Amino acid sequence: MKYLVCKEDLKKLGYKEHTASSIIKQAKIFMVYNRNIPFYKNRRLGLVPRDVVESLIGVKLDDKE
């Protein structure tokens, strides 16, 4: 089971390019301001925790991978 999610993972689930990028960006903002982890301020970072993405989109991601 993967604990980190990237834009490509979201695209494989059927999200469009811009929507997947937007979800990753929102997850990074959440990590910086709600969980106080400044590491996610890096604009080149494209991996975010799976649980944050699941809470943003409101759907449990598939565990098969």
N, C-alpha and C. Protein backbone atom coordinates (compact mmCIF):
# COMPACT_ATOMS: atom_id res chain seq x y z
N MET A 1 0.84 -1.18 0.00
CA MET A 1 0.00 0.00 0.00
C MET A 1 0.89 1.24 0.00
N LYS A 2 0.58 2.19 -0.88
CA LYS A 2 1.35 3.42 -0.97
C LYS A 2 0.81 4.43 0.04
N TYR A 3 1.71 5.09 0.74
CA TYR A 3 1.30 6.10 1.71
C TYR A 3 1.37 7.50 1.14
N LEU A 4 2.00 7.65 -0.02
CA LEU A 4 2.11 8.95 -0.68
C LEU A 4 1.43 8.88 -2.03
N VAL A 5 0.86 10.01 -2.45
CA VAL A 5 0.12 10.08 -3.71
C VAL A 5 0.72 11.21 -4.54
N CYS A 6 0.84 10.99 -5.84
CA CYS A 6 1.31 12.04 -6.74
C CYS A 6 0.22 12.33 -7.78
N LYS A 7 0.48 13.31 -8.61
CA LYS A 7 -0.47 13.73 -9.63
C LYS A 7 -0.78 12.58 -10.59
N GLU A 8 0.24 11.82 -10.94
CA GLU A 8 0.05 10.71 -11.88
C GLU A 8 -0.89 9.64 -11.31
N ASP A 9 -0.82 9.42 -10.00
CA ASP A 9 -1.73 8.45 -9.37
C ASP A 9 -3.17 8.91 -9.50
N LEU A 10 -3.40 10.20 -9.32
CA LEU A 10 -4.75 10.74 -9.43
C LEU A 10 -5.24 10.70 -10.87
N LYS A 11 -4.33 10.92 -11.83
CA LYS A 11 -4.71 10.83 -13.23
C LYS A 11 -5.10 9.40 -13.60
N LYS A 12 -4.44 8.41 -13.01
CA LYS A 12 -4.79 7.01 -13.27
C LYS A 12 -6.18 6.68 -12.73
N LEU A 13 -6.61 7.42 -11.71
CA LEU A 13 -7.94 7.21 -11.14
C LEU A 13 -9.03 7.90 -11.96
N GLY A 14 -8.62 8.71 -12.95
CA GLY A 14 -9.60 9.32 -13.82
C GLY A 14 -9.72 10.83 -13.71
N TYR A 15 -8.92 11.43 -12.86
CA TYR A 15 -8.95 12.89 -12.74
C TYR A 15 -8.20 13.52 -13.91
N LYS A 16 -8.66 14.68 -14.35
CA LYS A 16 -7.98 15.42 -15.41
C LYS A 16 -6.70 16.02 -14.86
N GLU A 17 -5.80 16.44 -15.75
CA GLU A 17 -4.49 16.98 -15.38
C GLU A 17 -4.60 18.14 -14.40
N HIS A 18 -5.42 19.11 -14.72
CA HIS A 18 -5.53 20.30 -13.86
C HIS A 18 -6.16 19.97 -12.52
N THR A 19 -7.16 19.11 -12.51
CA THR A 19 -7.82 18.72 -11.27
C THR A 19 -6.86 17.97 -10.36
N ALA A 20 -6.07 17.07 -10.92
CA ALA A 20 -5.08 16.33 -10.14
C ALA A 20 -4.04 17.27 -9.54
N SER A 21 -3.58 18.23 -10.34
CA SER A 21 -2.61 19.21 -9.84
C SER A 21 -3.21 20.05 -8.74
N SER A 22 -4.46 20.42 -8.89
CA SER A 22 -5.14 21.23 -7.89
C SER A 22 -5.29 20.49 -6.56
N ILE A 23 -5.61 19.20 -6.63
CA ILE A 23 -5.75 18.40 -5.42
C ILE A 23 -4.41 18.30 -4.69
N ILE A 24 -3.33 18.08 -5.43
CA ILE A 24 -2.00 18.01 -4.82
C ILE A 24 -1.65 19.35 -4.19
N LYS A 25 -1.94 20.44 -4.86
CA LYS A 25 -1.65 21.77 -4.33
C LYS A 25 -2.44 22.03 -3.04
N GLN A 26 -3.71 21.67 -3.02
CA GLN A 26 -4.53 21.85 -1.83
C GLN A 26 -4.02 21.00 -0.67
N ALA A 27 -3.56 19.80 -0.97
CA ALA A 27 -3.02 18.92 0.07
C ALA A 27 -1.74 19.51 0.66
N LYS A 28 -0.91 20.10 -0.20
CA LYS A 28 0.33 20.72 0.28
C LYS A 28 0.01 21.92 1.18
N ILE A 29 -0.96 22.72 0.79
CA ILE A 29 -1.37 23.86 1.61
C ILE A 29 -1.89 23.38 2.96
N PHE A 30 -2.67 22.31 2.95
CA PHE A 30 -3.18 21.73 4.18
C PHE A 30 -2.04 21.29 5.10
N MET A 31 -1.04 20.63 4.52
CA MET A 31 0.09 20.15 5.32
C MET A 31 0.88 21.31 5.93
N VAL A 32 1.01 22.41 5.21
CA VAL A 32 1.79 23.55 5.72
C VAL A 32 1.03 24.28 6.81
N TYR A 33 -0.23 24.59 6.58
CA TYR A 33 -0.96 25.46 7.49
C TYR A 33 -1.76 24.75 8.57
N ASN A 34 -2.17 23.52 8.34
CA ASN A 34 -2.94 22.81 9.36
C ASN A 34 -2.09 21.85 10.19
N ARG A 35 -1.11 21.25 9.56
CA ARG A 35 -0.26 20.31 10.30
C ARG A 35 1.13 20.89 10.61
N ASN A 36 1.36 22.13 10.20
CA ASN A 36 2.60 22.85 10.49
C ASN A 36 3.85 22.10 10.06
N ILE A 37 3.85 21.64 8.82
CA ILE A 37 5.01 20.96 8.26
C ILE A 37 5.52 21.81 7.09
N PRO A 38 6.50 22.67 7.32
CA PRO A 38 6.97 23.60 6.28
C PRO A 38 7.67 22.91 5.11
N PHE A 39 8.00 21.64 5.24
CA PHE A 39 8.64 20.88 4.18
C PHE A 39 7.81 20.92 2.90
N TYR A 40 6.49 21.01 3.03
CA TYR A 40 5.60 20.97 1.88
C TYR A 40 5.46 22.32 1.17
N LYS A 41 6.19 23.35 1.61
CA LYS A 41 6.20 24.63 0.90
C LYS A 41 7.03 24.56 -0.38
N ASN A 42 7.80 23.53 -0.55
CA ASN A 42 8.63 23.34 -1.73
C ASN A 42 7.75 23.14 -2.96
N ARG A 43 7.87 24.02 -3.95
CA ARG A 43 7.00 23.93 -5.11
C ARG A 43 7.32 22.74 -6.01
N ARG A 44 8.50 22.16 -5.88
CA ARG A 44 8.86 21.00 -6.70
C ARG A 44 8.39 19.68 -6.12
N LEU A 45 7.96 19.71 -4.88
CA LEU A 45 7.51 18.49 -4.22
C LEU A 45 6.15 18.10 -4.76
N GLY A 46 6.01 16.87 -5.21
CA GLY A 46 4.77 16.43 -5.82
C GLY A 46 4.10 15.27 -5.12
N LEU A 47 4.63 14.83 -4.00
CA LEU A 47 4.06 13.72 -3.24
C LEU A 47 3.43 14.24 -1.96
N VAL A 48 2.22 13.80 -1.69
CA VAL A 48 1.52 14.19 -0.47
C VAL A 48 0.95 12.95 0.19
N PRO A 49 0.70 13.01 1.50
CA PRO A 49 0.15 11.84 2.19
C PRO A 49 -1.22 11.44 1.66
N ARG A 50 -1.42 10.15 1.59
CA ARG A 50 -2.64 9.58 1.06
C ARG A 50 -3.87 9.99 1.88
N ASP A 51 -3.74 10.02 3.21
CA ASP A 51 -4.89 10.35 4.04
C ASP A 51 -5.38 11.78 3.84
N VAL A 52 -4.46 12.69 3.52
CA VAL A 52 -4.85 14.08 3.26
C VAL A 52 -5.64 14.16 1.96
N VAL A 53 -5.18 13.46 0.93
CA VAL A 53 -5.89 13.45 -0.36
C VAL A 53 -7.27 12.83 -0.18
N GLU A 54 -7.35 11.75 0.57
CA GLU A 54 -8.64 11.10 0.80
C GLU A 54 -9.61 12.03 1.51
N SER A 55 -9.11 12.81 2.47
CA SER A 55 -9.99 13.73 3.18
C SER A 55 -10.43 14.89 2.28
N LEU A 56 -9.57 15.31 1.35
CA LEU A 56 -9.92 16.40 0.44
C LEU A 56 -10.97 15.98 -0.59
N ILE A 57 -10.79 14.80 -1.18
CA ILE A 57 -11.72 14.39 -2.23
C ILE A 57 -12.94 13.65 -1.66
N GLY A 58 -12.85 13.22 -0.41
CA GLY A 58 -13.99 12.57 0.22
C GLY A 58 -14.22 11.13 -0.20
N VAL A 59 -13.19 10.51 -0.78
CA VAL A 59 -13.30 9.13 -1.25
C VAL A 59 -12.08 8.36 -0.77
N LYS A 60 -12.30 7.14 -0.34
CA LYS A 60 -11.21 6.27 0.07
C LYS A 60 -10.54 5.73 -1.19
N LEU A 61 -9.23 5.90 -1.31
CA LEU A 61 -8.50 5.43 -2.49
C LEU A 61 -8.31 3.92 -2.41
N ASP A 62 -8.22 3.30 -3.55
CA ASP A 62 -8.07 1.85 -3.66
C ASP A 62 -6.73 1.42 -3.07
N ASP A 63 -6.73 0.33 -2.30
CA ASP A 63 -5.50 -0.16 -1.66
C ASP A 63 -4.66 -1.04 -2.57
N LYS A 64 -5.13 -1.37 -3.76
CA LYS A 64 -4.39 -2.25 -4.68
C LYS A 64 -3.31 -1.46 -5.39
N GLU A 65 -2.04 -1.71 -5.07
CA GLU A 65 -0.92 -1.13 -5.79
C GLU A 65 0.36 -1.69 -5.25
